[in-house]
Amino acid sequence: MSEIFKILVVNPGSTSTKLAIFENERQIIDKKISHSPSDLAKYATTIEQVAFRRQAMDDFLKENNIASGALSAVVGRGGLLKPLPSGTYRVNKHVVEDLTLSKYGDHASNLGALLANSFTIDYGVPAFIVDPVIVDELQNIARYSGIKEINRRSVWHALNAMAVLRQTCSKMNFNINEDNFVVTHIGGGISVAAIKEGKCIDVSNGLDGGPFTPERAGTLPTIALVDLCFSGKYTKEEVNKLLVGKGGLVNYLGTNNIQEVAEKYLEGNKEFGEVFEAMAYQIAKEIGSYVAVLKGRVKRIILTGGGANCSTLVEKVSEYIKTFAPVHVVPGEDELSALALGGLRVLRGEIPASEYHP
């Protein structure tokens, strides 16, 4: 009988922490813990939330009578590190240092490795990350920004996008290494990726570019942004929070709940309706630009992430893009399974764990 590995998976999002226990490939328990804006407002930076979210993990294990020391591994969502190839990485001291310092940016995904590592510190349990958000396979021309001191960066929902793409290709008998796709993840952040023959050759930065999102400003008029930064009205930290955390739907409407906004749109609320239509418009416009990157040769446009559960949003976006290619919707995400399988391959010795070096 093959060995049973018990894996704890933690996927911290901007407004939630998703947890699951896997026994090998089989998910046996899962839980999504939502965090209210008022709870998160207590912390000036994302990294300050580690103890708060670790307590939620401990409570989850206790509720399910699982001893922390009995875990085979803890696998966390990867964060903002230096650009890396796809793979499973051991959480080493360099990962911890770069994420603790937010060396490459402040984002909820940074918490995944730090939370996993806390179990290594306390119990000696191996900690891994899989397909961090900075997986980078961009073609060189995609890196140009228009200012030589600034390069465009690959920051996207790689874990879920690629897991959903592999799932779609398997079900529809597409060849991921031969066909082209545009994959759009819609969540607290939104990223739109051009996938050419299995590689992401261009992508909208899910942290500070693309359409505005439930809580991010997306791409902004640059001159107006510079004027705002030097107006004296906001500190640097306050501007950064406007861009990520208090932008998008939160800024316009005071909520990050797409479904709530969609319902008010359907009820005829003019203020909510215009903002909702503007977000759908921007998502569709971004998708169109990545269809162009692939020269119009696209097998499917895939909409995924939690926002794809909102049928009204899917319908509005699809009205704009359905003539480009068939639209395939995979609501939610498969990140928990993707994380567990990445860790399992290492535990079984099928692949070595990659090492991160700064």
Protein backbone atom coordinates (compact mmCIF):
# COMPACT_ATOMS: atom_id res chain seq x y z
CA MET A 1 0.00 0.00 0.00
CA SER A 2 1.37 3.43 -0.93
CA GLU A 3 2.20 5.90 1.81
CA ILE A 4 -0.52 8.35 2.82
CA PHE A 5 0.72 11.92 3.00
CA LYS A 6 -1.37 14.40 4.99
CA ILE A 7 -0.94 17.88 3.51
CA LEU A 8 -2.25 21.17 4.88
CA VAL A 9 -2.82 23.75 2.15
CA VAL A 10 -3.17 27.47 2.85
CA ASN A 11 -4.20 29.97 0.20
CA PRO A 12 -4.38 33.51 1.61
CA GLY A 13 -6.32 35.96 -0.50
CA SER A 14 -6.82 39.65 -0.02
CA THR A 15 -10.09 39.15 1.90
CA SER A 16 -10.07 35.45 2.82
CA THR A 17 -7.94 32.49 3.90
CA LYS A 18 -8.72 29.17 2.20
CA LEU A 19 -7.59 26.03 4.01
CA ALA A 20 -7.74 22.34 3.14
CA ILE A 21 -6.42 18.98 4.26
CA PHE A 22 -5.44 16.48 1.58
CA GLU A 23 -4.58 12.83 1.95
CA ASN A 24 -2.49 12.36 -1.17
CA GLU A 25 -4.69 13.56 -4.07
CA ARG A 26 -7.93 13.43 -2.08
CA GLN A 27 -9.23 16.54 -0.40
CA ILE A 28 -10.88 15.50 2.85
CA ILE A 29 -11.64 18.85 4.51
CA ASP A 30 -11.76 22.45 3.36
CA LYS A 31 -12.82 25.79 4.73
CA LYS A 32 -12.96 29.36 3.49
CA ILE A 33 -12.54 31.96 6.21
CA SER A 34 -13.70 35.42 5.14
CA HIS A 35 -12.06 38.49 6.66
CA SER A 36 -14.06 41.70 6.88
CA PRO A 37 -12.51 45.01 5.81
CA SER A 38 -12.77 46.17 9.44
CA ASP A 39 -10.73 43.16 10.66
CA LEU A 40 -8.03 43.73 8.06
CA ALA A 41 -7.97 47.49 8.65
CA LYS A 42 -6.25 46.82 12.00
CA TYR A 43 -3.05 45.92 10.15
CA ALA A 44 -0.96 48.56 8.42
CA THR A 45 0.74 45.99 6.18
CA THR A 46 -0.14 42.56 4.91
CA ILE A 47 2.81 40.91 6.72
CA GLU A 48 1.39 42.06 10.06
CA GLN A 49 -1.52 39.65 9.48
CA VAL A 50 0.62 36.50 9.93
CA ALA A 51 -0.30 35.83 13.58
CA PHE A 52 -3.97 36.66 12.91
CA ARG A 53 -4.21 34.18 10.03
CA ARG A 54 -2.05 31.54 11.78
CA GLN A 55 -4.58 31.50 14.61
CA ALA A 56 -7.29 30.74 12.06
CA MET A 57 -5.20 27.81 10.81
CA ASP A 58 -4.69 26.46 14.33
CA ASP A 59 -8.43 26.72 14.99
CA PHE A 60 -9.14 24.85 11.74
CA LEU A 61 -6.83 21.97 12.72
CA LYS A 62 -8.28 21.84 16.22
CA GLU A 63 -11.85 21.76 14.89
CA ASN A 64 -10.93 18.73 12.79
CA ASN A 65 -8.83 16.93 15.45
CA ILE A 66 -5.64 17.08 13.39
CA ALA A 67 -2.34 17.32 15.23
CA SER A 68 -0.03 19.89 13.64
CA GLY A 69 2.99 17.66 14.14
CA ALA A 70 1.31 14.82 12.22
CA LEU A 71 1.29 16.78 8.96
CA SER A 72 3.53 15.60 6.13
CA ALA A 73 3.85 19.11 4.70
CA VAL A 74 2.27 22.54 4.62
CA VAL A 75 1.95 24.08 1.16
CA GLY A 76 1.23 27.77 0.77
CA ARG A 77 0.40 29.95 -2.17
CA GLY A 78 3.53 31.63 -3.50
CA GLY A 79 4.06 35.36 -3.13
CA LEU A 80 5.94 38.27 -4.68
CA LEU A 81 9.48 36.97 -5.09
CA LYS A 82 11.98 37.49 -7.88
CA PRO A 83 10.78 36.11 -11.24
CA LEU A 84 10.92 32.30 -11.32
CA PRO A 85 10.13 29.39 -13.60
CA SER A 86 7.09 27.31 -12.75
CA GLY A 87 7.62 24.67 -10.06
CA THR A 88 7.47 23.63 -6.39
CA TYR A 89 9.86 25.52 -4.14
CA ARG A 90 11.04 24.76 -0.62
CA VAL A 91 10.41 27.65 1.77
CA ASN A 92 13.98 28.50 2.74
CA LYS A 93 15.48 31.44 4.61
CA HIS A 94 15.77 33.48 1.41
CA VAL A 95 12.04 33.11 0.69
CA VAL A 96 11.21 34.14 4.26
CA GLU A 97 13.54 37.14 4.19
CA ASP A 98 12.34 38.52 0.86
CA LEU A 99 8.66 38.14 1.76
CA THR A 100 9.03 39.52 5.28
CA LEU A 101 10.72 42.60 3.86
CA SER A 102 8.15 42.79 1.03
CA LYS A 103 11.22 43.18 -1.18
CA TYR A 104 9.25 42.75 -4.40
CA GLY A 105 5.90 44.11 -3.22
CA ASP A 106 3.17 43.79 -0.61
CA HIS A 107 0.45 41.24 -1.44
CA ALA A 108 -1.74 38.74 0.42
CA SER A 109 -0.06 35.84 -1.37
CA ASN A 110 3.16 36.72 0.51
CA LEU A 111 1.53 35.25 3.60
CA GLY A 112 1.34 31.71 2.16
CA ALA A 113 5.03 30.88 2.52
CA LEU A 114 5.32 32.63 5.89
CA LEU A 115 2.33 30.76 7.32
CA ALA A 116 3.66 27.45 5.99
CA ASN A 117 7.09 28.23 7.42
CA SER A 118 5.60 28.86 10.87
CA PHE A 119 4.78 25.12 11.00
CA THR A 120 8.37 24.31 10.11
CA ILE A 121 9.53 26.50 12.98
CA ASP A 122 7.06 25.04 15.49
CA TYR A 123 6.89 21.39 14.41
CA GLY A 124 9.59 20.72 11.82
CA VAL A 125 6.98 20.15 9.09
CA PRO A 126 8.33 20.77 5.54
CA ALA A 127 6.97 23.92 3.90
CA PHE A 128 6.56 24.53 0.16
CA ILE A 129 5.13 27.00 -2.31
CA VAL A 130 3.91 26.16 -5.83
CA ASP A 131 3.75 28.35 -8.94
CA PRO A 132 4.13 31.75 -7.26
CA VAL A 133 2.28 34.73 -8.66
CA ILE A 134 5.52 35.92 -10.26
CA VAL A 135 5.94 32.96 -12.62
CA ASP A 136 7.58 34.70 -15.56
CA GLU A 137 7.66 33.43 -19.15
CA LEU A 138 7.05 36.78 -20.87
CA GLN A 139 8.34 37.36 -24.36
CA ASN A 140 10.89 40.17 -24.33
CA ILE A 141 8.78 42.70 -26.23
CA ALA A 142 6.11 42.38 -23.53
CA ARG A 143 8.50 43.85 -20.95
CA TYR A 144 8.74 47.31 -22.53
CA SER A 145 6.77 50.00 -20.70
CA GLY A 146 7.68 53.19 -22.54
CA ILE A 147 10.18 54.35 -19.89
CA LYS A 148 13.54 52.59 -19.88
CA GLU A 149 13.82 52.67 -16.07
CA ILE A 150 10.58 50.72 -15.76
CA ASN A 151 10.01 47.20 -17.07
CA ARG A 152 6.63 45.52 -17.13
CA ARG A 153 6.51 42.66 -14.62
CA SER A 154 4.78 39.30 -14.70
CA VAL A 155 2.53 39.25 -11.62
CA TRP A 156 -0.59 37.16 -12.11
CA HIS A 157 -2.81 34.39 -10.79
CA ALA A 158 -0.55 31.75 -12.31
CA LEU A 159 -1.50 28.92 -9.99
CA ASN A 160 -5.23 28.96 -10.67
CA ALA A 161 -4.98 30.07 -14.30
CA MET A 162 -2.66 27.24 -15.28
CA ALA A 163 -4.53 24.64 -13.20
CA VAL A 164 -7.83 25.62 -14.85
CA LEU A 165 -6.20 25.66 -18.28
CA ARG A 166 -4.83 22.14 -17.79
CA GLN A 167 -8.26 20.99 -16.58
CA THR A 168 -9.97 22.57 -19.59
CA CYS A 169 -7.55 21.05 -22.07
CA SER A 170 -7.99 17.62 -20.51
CA LYS A 171 -11.80 17.78 -20.63
CA MET A 172 -12.02 19.27 -24.13
CA ASN A 173 -9.16 17.30 -25.65
CA PHE A 174 -7.13 20.40 -26.49
CA ASN A 175 -3.36 20.29 -26.72
CA ILE A 176 -1.98 22.81 -24.21
CA ASN A 177 1.39 22.76 -25.99
CA GLU A 178 -0.07 23.54 -29.41
CA ASP A 179 -3.16 25.70 -28.84
CA ASN A 180 -3.53 29.32 -27.66
CA PHE A 181 -5.79 30.64 -24.90
CA VAL A 182 -6.68 33.84 -23.08
CA VAL A 183 -7.24 33.03 -19.40
CA THR A 184 -8.86 35.65 -17.16
CA HIS A 185 -8.84 35.24 -13.39
CA ILE A 186 -11.46 37.43 -11.68
CA GLY A 187 -11.14 37.79 -7.92
CA GLY A 188 -10.03 40.50 -5.50
CA GLY A 189 -7.46 41.08 -8.22
CA ILE A 190 -7.88 40.44 -11.93
CA SER A 191 -5.24 39.19 -14.36
CA VAL A 192 -5.61 38.45 -18.07
CA ALA A 193 -3.04 36.10 -19.61
CA ALA A 194 -2.12 35.28 -23.19
CA ILE A 195 -1.10 31.60 -23.17
CA LYS A 196 0.73 30.54 -26.31
CA GLU A 197 1.48 26.83 -26.59
CA GLY A 198 1.59 26.36 -22.82
CA LYS A 199 3.57 29.50 -21.95
CA CYS A 200 2.29 32.82 -20.66
CA ILE A 201 3.90 35.20 -23.16
CA ASP A 202 2.11 38.31 -21.87
CA VAL A 203 -0.17 39.14 -18.95
CA SER A 204 -1.82 42.12 -17.33
CA ASN A 205 -0.23 42.75 -13.95
CA GLY A 206 -2.80 41.50 -11.45
CA LEU A 207 -1.44 43.80 -8.76
CA ASP A 208 -1.17 47.22 -10.40
CA GLY A 209 -2.43 46.98 -13.98
CA GLY A 210 -5.32 45.85 -16.13
CA PRO A 211 -8.98 46.58 -15.34
CA PHE A 212 -10.06 47.95 -11.99
CA THR A 213 -11.14 45.17 -9.65
CA PRO A 214 -13.19 44.76 -6.47
CA GLU A 215 -10.39 46.46 -4.51
CA ARG A 216 -7.62 47.52 -6.92
CA ALA A 217 -7.40 50.56 -9.14
CA GLY A 218 -5.83 48.81 -12.13
CA THR A 219 -4.19 50.84 -14.91
CA LEU A 220 -4.62 54.58 -14.31
CA PRO A 221 -4.07 57.77 -16.35
CA THR A 222 -0.41 58.34 -15.51
CA ILE A 223 -0.29 62.16 -15.54
CA ALA A 224 -3.33 62.38 -13.30
CA LEU A 225 -1.77 59.82 -10.95
CA VAL A 226 1.47 61.85 -10.75
CA ASP A 227 -0.55 64.97 -9.96
CA LEU A 228 -2.39 63.11 -7.21
CA CYS A 229 0.87 61.82 -5.72
CA PHE A 230 2.33 65.34 -5.52
CA SER A 231 -0.88 67.07 -4.45
CA GLY A 232 -0.07 66.80 -0.75
CA LYS A 233 -3.45 65.18 -0.17
CA TYR A 234 -2.07 61.67 0.40
CA THR A 235 1.07 60.09 1.81
CA LYS A 236 2.95 57.50 -0.23
CA GLU A 237 1.43 54.76 1.93
CA GLU A 238 -2.07 56.14 1.39
CA VAL A 239 -1.58 56.28 -2.37
CA ASN A 240 -0.35 52.67 -2.38
CA LYS A 241 -3.47 51.67 -0.44
CA LEU A 242 -5.66 53.48 -2.97
CA LEU A 243 -4.02 51.45 -5.71
CA VAL A 244 -4.25 48.09 -3.93
CA GLY A 245 -6.81 47.57 -1.20
CA LYS A 246 -8.99 50.67 -1.38
CA GLY A 247 -9.35 51.04 -5.14
CA GLY A 248 -11.91 49.69 -7.59
CA LEU A 249 -15.34 48.79 -6.24
CA VAL A 250 -14.27 49.62 -2.68
CA ASN A 251 -13.30 53.13 -3.76
CA TYR A 252 -16.40 53.79 -5.81
CA LEU A 253 -19.03 51.95 -3.79
CA GLY A 254 -17.57 50.96 -0.41
CA THR A 255 -17.84 47.21 -1.04
CA ASN A 256 -15.66 44.51 -2.60
CA ASN A 257 -18.59 42.14 -3.15
CA ILE A 258 -19.16 41.63 -6.89
CA GLN A 259 -22.43 39.78 -6.37
CA GLU A 260 -23.83 42.57 -4.21
CA VAL A 261 -22.96 45.14 -6.87
CA ALA A 262 -24.49 42.95 -9.59
CA GLU A 263 -27.73 42.59 -7.65
CA LYS A 264 -28.06 46.35 -7.22
CA TYR A 265 -27.30 46.75 -10.92
CA LEU A 266 -30.18 44.39 -11.74
CA GLU A 267 -32.43 46.32 -9.35
CA GLY A 268 -31.79 49.45 -11.41
CA ASN A 269 -29.50 51.30 -9.00
CA LYS A 270 -27.84 53.85 -11.29
CA GLU A 271 -24.68 54.44 -9.25
CA PHE A 272 -23.94 50.74 -8.76
CA GLY A 273 -25.01 49.96 -12.31
CA GLU A 274 -22.58 52.34 -14.00
CA VAL A 275 -19.63 51.13 -11.91
CA PHE A 276 -20.56 47.49 -12.56
CA GLU A 277 -20.82 48.08 -16.31
CA ALA A 278 -17.52 49.97 -16.29
CA MET A 279 -15.72 47.06 -14.63
CA ALA A 280 -17.18 44.57 -17.12
CA TYR A 281 -16.21 46.92 -19.96
CA GLN A 282 -12.62 47.19 -18.74
CA ILE A 283 -12.29 43.41 -18.27
CA ALA A 284 -13.54 42.83 -21.82
CA LYS A 285 -11.26 45.52 -23.24
CA GLU A 286 -8.26 43.90 -21.56
CA ILE A 287 -9.21 40.47 -22.92
CA GLY A 288 -9.43 41.95 -26.41
CA SER A 289 -5.89 43.28 -26.15
CA TYR A 290 -4.55 39.82 -25.31
CA VAL A 291 -6.46 38.25 -28.17
CA ALA A 292 -4.47 40.71 -30.30
CA VAL A 293 -1.20 39.54 -28.68
CA LEU A 294 -2.06 36.04 -29.95
CA LYS A 295 -2.86 37.50 -33.40
CA GLY A 296 -6.48 36.42 -33.06
CA ARG A 297 -5.65 32.70 -33.00
CA VAL A 298 -7.36 31.69 -29.77
CA LYS A 299 -8.93 28.32 -29.06
CA ARG A 300 -10.90 29.46 -26.00
CA ILE A 301 -11.30 32.50 -23.79
CA ILE A 302 -11.51 31.17 -20.23
CA LEU A 303 -13.13 33.09 -17.37
CA THR A 304 -12.30 31.78 -13.91
CA GLY A 305 -11.83 32.87 -10.29
CA GLY A 306 -14.44 33.71 -7.69
CA GLY A 307 -15.84 36.54 -9.80
CA ALA A 308 -16.82 34.03 -12.50
CA ASN A 309 -19.49 32.79 -10.09
CA CYS A 310 -21.36 36.01 -10.84
CA SER A 311 -23.41 35.08 -13.91
CA THR A 312 -24.38 38.70 -14.52
CA LEU A 313 -20.74 39.75 -14.79
CA VAL A 314 -19.92 36.79 -17.03
CA GLU A 315 -22.83 37.70 -19.30
CA LYS A 316 -21.81 41.37 -19.54
CA VAL A 317 -18.17 40.55 -20.32
CA SER A 318 -19.16 37.84 -22.82
CA GLU A 319 -21.30 40.30 -24.79
CA TYR A 320 -18.09 42.08 -25.80
CA ILE A 321 -15.75 39.13 -26.42
CA LYS A 322 -17.82 36.20 -27.69
CA THR A 323 -17.04 36.99 -31.33
CA PHE A 324 -13.29 36.58 -30.68
CA ALA A 325 -13.47 32.93 -29.56
CA PRO A 326 -15.85 30.65 -27.61
CA VAL A 327 -16.03 31.65 -23.95
CA HIS A 328 -15.50 28.87 -21.41
CA VAL A 329 -16.40 29.58 -17.78
CA VAL A 330 -14.82 27.74 -14.84
CA PRO A 331 -16.24 29.44 -11.72
CA GLY A 332 -14.12 29.53 -8.58
CA GLU A 333 -10.61 28.18 -8.54
CA ASP A 334 -8.68 24.94 -8.31
CA GLU A 335 -5.75 26.41 -6.40
CA LEU A 336 -6.07 24.19 -3.33
CA SER A 337 -5.72 21.02 -5.38
CA ALA A 338 -2.93 22.54 -7.48
CA LEU A 339 -0.97 23.43 -4.34
CA ALA A 340 -1.48 20.00 -2.77
CA LEU A 341 -0.42 18.16 -5.93
CA GLY A 342 2.70 20.30 -6.22
CA GLY A 343 3.70 19.36 -2.70
CA LEU A 344 2.74 15.73 -3.19
CA ARG A 345 5.05 15.34 -6.19
CA VAL A 346 7.98 16.36 -3.98
CA LEU A 347 6.93 14.17 -1.05
CA ARG A 348 6.71 11.16 -3.38
CA GLY A 349 10.12 11.92 -4.84
CA GLU A 350 8.71 12.43 -8.34
CA ILE A 351 10.39 15.84 -8.60
CA PRO A 352 12.97 17.62 -6.45
CA ALA A 353 11.97 20.74 -4.59
CA SER A 354 13.46 23.79 -6.28
CA GLU A 355 15.54 26.17 -4.18
CA TYR A 356 15.01 29.92 -4.19
CA HIS A 357 18.07 32.14 -4.32
CA PRO A 358 17.85 35.93 -4.11
